[in-house]
Structure formats: C-alpha cells, structure tokens
Amino acid sequence: MGIFDIFKKVSAKYIDEYKHQDNMKKQIAMVPELLAKLQQSGITDDSELKLEYFFYTNAEDKADRLSEKLSVLGYSTEQRPSADSNTDEEESKKLTLLTGWSNPVKMAKDKLCQWIKDMCILGFEQDCEFDGWGTKP
C-alpha cells in the first residue's frame, strides 16, 4: 500500500452473502430448462460448449481482479460500463460489466451446475455478481 492509497475512494460492497446465495440458487434452478432447450438443438450430456458469462460489479478494480482470475483459467475477458450506467449517475451507481468466454464445458447437468457454482463463488470472492451465461450450440 502506497502513501497515496489512503486517498483512493473505497467502493461500497456490491454483493452480500445473502444475495450471493440467492443468486446461486436461481442460476442453478434455471439449468434444467436451459439444458432442455439445448437438447432440442442436438446438444447431449457429452457435448462440450464454450460458455459466454456475465458479471456485474460497482468498481473497475473489482472487475480487474476478477478478470485476472478468469484469465488464469484460460477464459477470455472484456469489461466495459454496463448499459444501465451513464456518466450522469452518481459514482456509486455506475456498474461495470465483465464478460467473456469459458473453455469448453460439458453440458451434463452436474458439470454445468458445478461450473455455475464455481463462477458464482469466484465472482463473490471479488465482490462481483455472476449474472448468467449463454452459448452458441
């Protein structure tokens, strides 16, 4: 910590434990329906797909730290102000979107649920909220 670090504005906590746990439950609850839709496109439990992921947080430095963690996993990352953020809002309401693509993930329910849990936890550890995923079958 440098001497000038004491003058940096500290961002408020973005996601608390309750919200994190609730979000993780909701993300996992959507898996059966999403897998059913993918199966209609010919995706099986053995199929492996890259997944596009989305995280939100209230500070660029938090997104930077998460981006570093995801890069270590071999994931691509990109961050930008979220569509809801605009320059006229107060600083505390601006959100940063972090998105990118994972390595291939097996589309078996248990594997996908574990990936979602891992993403939720990794995000929470950096004060970012996992906001879901998508893919191209």
Protein backbone atom coordinates (compact mmCIF):
# COMPACT_ATOMS: atom_id res chain seq x y z
CA MET A 1 0.00 0.00 0.00
CA GLY A 2 1.47 3.32 -1.08
CA ILE A 3 1.12 6.55 0.79
CA PHE A 4 -1.40 7.93 -1.71
CA ASP A 5 -3.60 4.82 -1.49
CA ILE A 6 -5.26 6.31 1.58
CA PHE A 7 -6.82 8.96 -0.69
CA LYS A 8 -8.43 6.44 -3.05
CA LYS A 9 -12.18 6.22 -2.86
CA VAL A 10 -13.27 2.86 -1.49
CA SER A 11 -16.27 1.36 -3.25
CA ALA A 12 -19.16 0.11 -1.23
CA LYS A 13 -19.77 -3.62 -1.04
CA TYR A 14 -21.63 -4.73 -4.16
CA ILE A 15 -22.94 -8.19 -3.24
CA ASP A 16 -23.57 -9.58 0.22
CA GLU A 17 -23.65 -13.23 1.29
CA TYR A 18 -27.45 -13.47 1.21
CA LYS A 19 -27.71 -12.05 -2.31
CA HIS A 20 -24.85 -14.30 -3.45
CA GLN A 21 -26.51 -17.46 -2.10
CA ASP A 22 -29.90 -16.47 -3.52
CA ASN A 23 -28.38 -15.73 -6.94
CA MET A 24 -26.52 -19.05 -7.00
CA LYS A 25 -29.75 -20.95 -6.24
CA LYS A 26 -31.60 -19.08 -9.01
CA GLN A 27 -28.82 -19.68 -11.55
CA ILE A 28 -28.77 -23.41 -10.79
CA ALA A 29 -32.58 -23.64 -10.83
CA MET A 30 -32.56 -22.47 -14.47
CA VAL A 31 -30.25 -25.27 -15.63
CA PRO A 32 -32.85 -27.98 -16.42
CA GLU A 33 -34.89 -25.65 -18.65
CA LEU A 34 -31.80 -24.32 -20.43
CA LEU A 35 -30.42 -27.83 -20.98
CA ALA A 36 -33.79 -28.94 -22.39
CA LYS A 37 -33.61 -26.12 -24.93
CA LEU A 38 -30.05 -27.06 -25.85
CA GLN A 39 -31.07 -30.70 -26.25
CA GLN A 40 -33.66 -29.59 -28.80
CA SER A 41 -30.70 -28.30 -30.81
CA GLY A 42 -28.96 -31.68 -30.64
CA ILE A 43 -26.74 -30.98 -27.62
CA THR A 44 -26.16 -34.04 -25.40
CA ASP A 45 -24.66 -34.59 -21.95
CA ASP A 46 -21.36 -35.36 -23.66
CA SER A 47 -21.34 -32.19 -25.76
CA GLU A 48 -18.81 -29.56 -24.75
CA LEU A 49 -19.53 -25.90 -25.42
CA LYS A 50 -17.78 -22.65 -24.67
CA LEU A 51 -20.00 -20.53 -22.44
CA GLU A 52 -20.34 -16.77 -22.54
CA TYR A 53 -20.52 -15.44 -18.99
CA PHE A 54 -21.61 -12.16 -17.44
CA PHE A 55 -20.67 -10.47 -14.16
CA TYR A 56 -21.56 -7.07 -12.73
CA THR A 57 -19.85 -5.04 -10.04
CA ASN A 58 -19.67 -1.45 -8.84
CA ALA A 59 -15.94 -0.77 -9.35
CA GLU A 60 -13.48 -1.30 -12.18
CA ASP A 61 -10.77 -2.55 -9.83
CA LYS A 62 -13.05 -5.38 -8.69
CA ALA A 63 -13.71 -6.31 -12.32
CA ASP A 64 -9.95 -6.13 -12.97
CA ARG A 65 -9.24 -8.61 -10.17
CA LEU A 66 -11.92 -10.99 -11.42
CA SER A 67 -10.63 -10.64 -14.97
CA GLU A 68 -7.17 -11.71 -13.78
CA LYS A 69 -8.62 -14.80 -12.05
CA LEU A 70 -10.61 -15.76 -15.17
CA SER A 71 -7.60 -15.23 -17.43
CA VAL A 72 -5.62 -17.70 -15.32
CA LEU A 73 -8.34 -20.26 -16.15
CA GLY A 74 -7.76 -19.56 -19.84
CA TYR A 75 -11.00 -17.61 -20.27
CA SER A 76 -11.26 -14.55 -22.48
CA THR A 77 -12.41 -11.40 -20.69
CA GLU A 78 -13.71 -7.99 -21.63
CA GLN A 79 -15.08 -5.26 -19.41
CA ARG A 80 -16.99 -2.06 -20.02
CA PRO A 81 -19.55 0.17 -18.33
CA SER A 82 -22.89 -1.60 -18.20
CA ALA A 83 -25.68 -0.39 -20.46
CA ASP A 84 -27.52 0.88 -17.38
CA SER A 85 -24.57 3.04 -16.34
CA ASN A 86 -24.24 6.53 -17.67
CA THR A 87 -21.87 9.33 -16.84
CA ASP A 88 -24.57 11.45 -15.19
CA GLU A 89 -25.23 8.94 -12.41
CA GLU A 90 -23.56 9.23 -9.07
CA GLU A 91 -20.33 7.26 -8.85
CA SER A 92 -21.76 4.59 -6.55
CA LYS A 93 -24.47 3.63 -9.05
CA LYS A 94 -22.19 3.03 -12.03
CA LEU A 95 -21.75 -0.63 -12.83
CA THR A 96 -19.05 -2.46 -14.71
CA LEU A 97 -19.90 -5.45 -16.89
CA LEU A 98 -17.32 -8.20 -17.22
CA THR A 99 -17.99 -10.74 -19.94
CA GLY A 100 -16.08 -13.31 -21.93
CA TRP A 101 -15.96 -16.94 -22.98
CA SER A 102 -15.04 -20.01 -20.97
CA ASN A 103 -13.12 -23.04 -22.09
CA PRO A 104 -15.44 -25.85 -23.27
CA VAL A 105 -17.76 -27.12 -20.53
CA LYS A 106 -19.51 -30.49 -20.65
CA MET A 107 -23.28 -30.00 -20.93
CA ALA A 108 -24.16 -32.69 -18.38
CA LYS A 109 -26.36 -31.23 -15.63
CA ASP A 110 -23.93 -31.94 -12.79
CA LYS A 111 -20.95 -30.48 -14.69
CA LEU A 112 -22.84 -27.35 -15.69
CA CYS A 113 -24.19 -26.83 -12.16
CA GLN A 114 -20.67 -27.14 -10.76
CA TRP A 115 -19.38 -24.62 -13.30
CA ILE A 116 -22.13 -22.19 -12.28
CA LYS A 117 -21.33 -22.63 -8.58
CA ASP A 118 -17.65 -22.07 -9.28
CA MET A 119 -18.41 -18.91 -11.26
CA CYS A 120 -20.73 -17.56 -8.56
CA ILE A 121 -18.13 -18.18 -5.84
CA LEU A 122 -15.25 -16.77 -7.89
CA GLY A 123 -17.29 -13.64 -8.56
CA PHE A 124 -18.37 -13.27 -4.95
CA GLU A 125 -14.76 -13.53 -3.77
CA GLN A 126 -14.01 -10.44 -5.91
CA ASP A 127 -17.28 -8.66 -4.97
CA CYS A 128 -18.82 -9.30 -8.39
CA GLU A 129 -22.16 -10.94 -9.14
CA PHE A 130 -22.43 -13.74 -11.69
CA ASP A 131 -25.36 -12.73 -13.89
CA GLY A 132 -25.66 -15.82 -16.06
CA TRP A 133 -24.34 -17.46 -19.17
CA GLY A 134 -25.18 -18.21 -22.77
CA THR A 135 -23.77 -20.28 -25.59
CA LYS A 136 -23.93 -20.96 -29.28
CA PRO A 137 -24.92 -24.61 -29.92
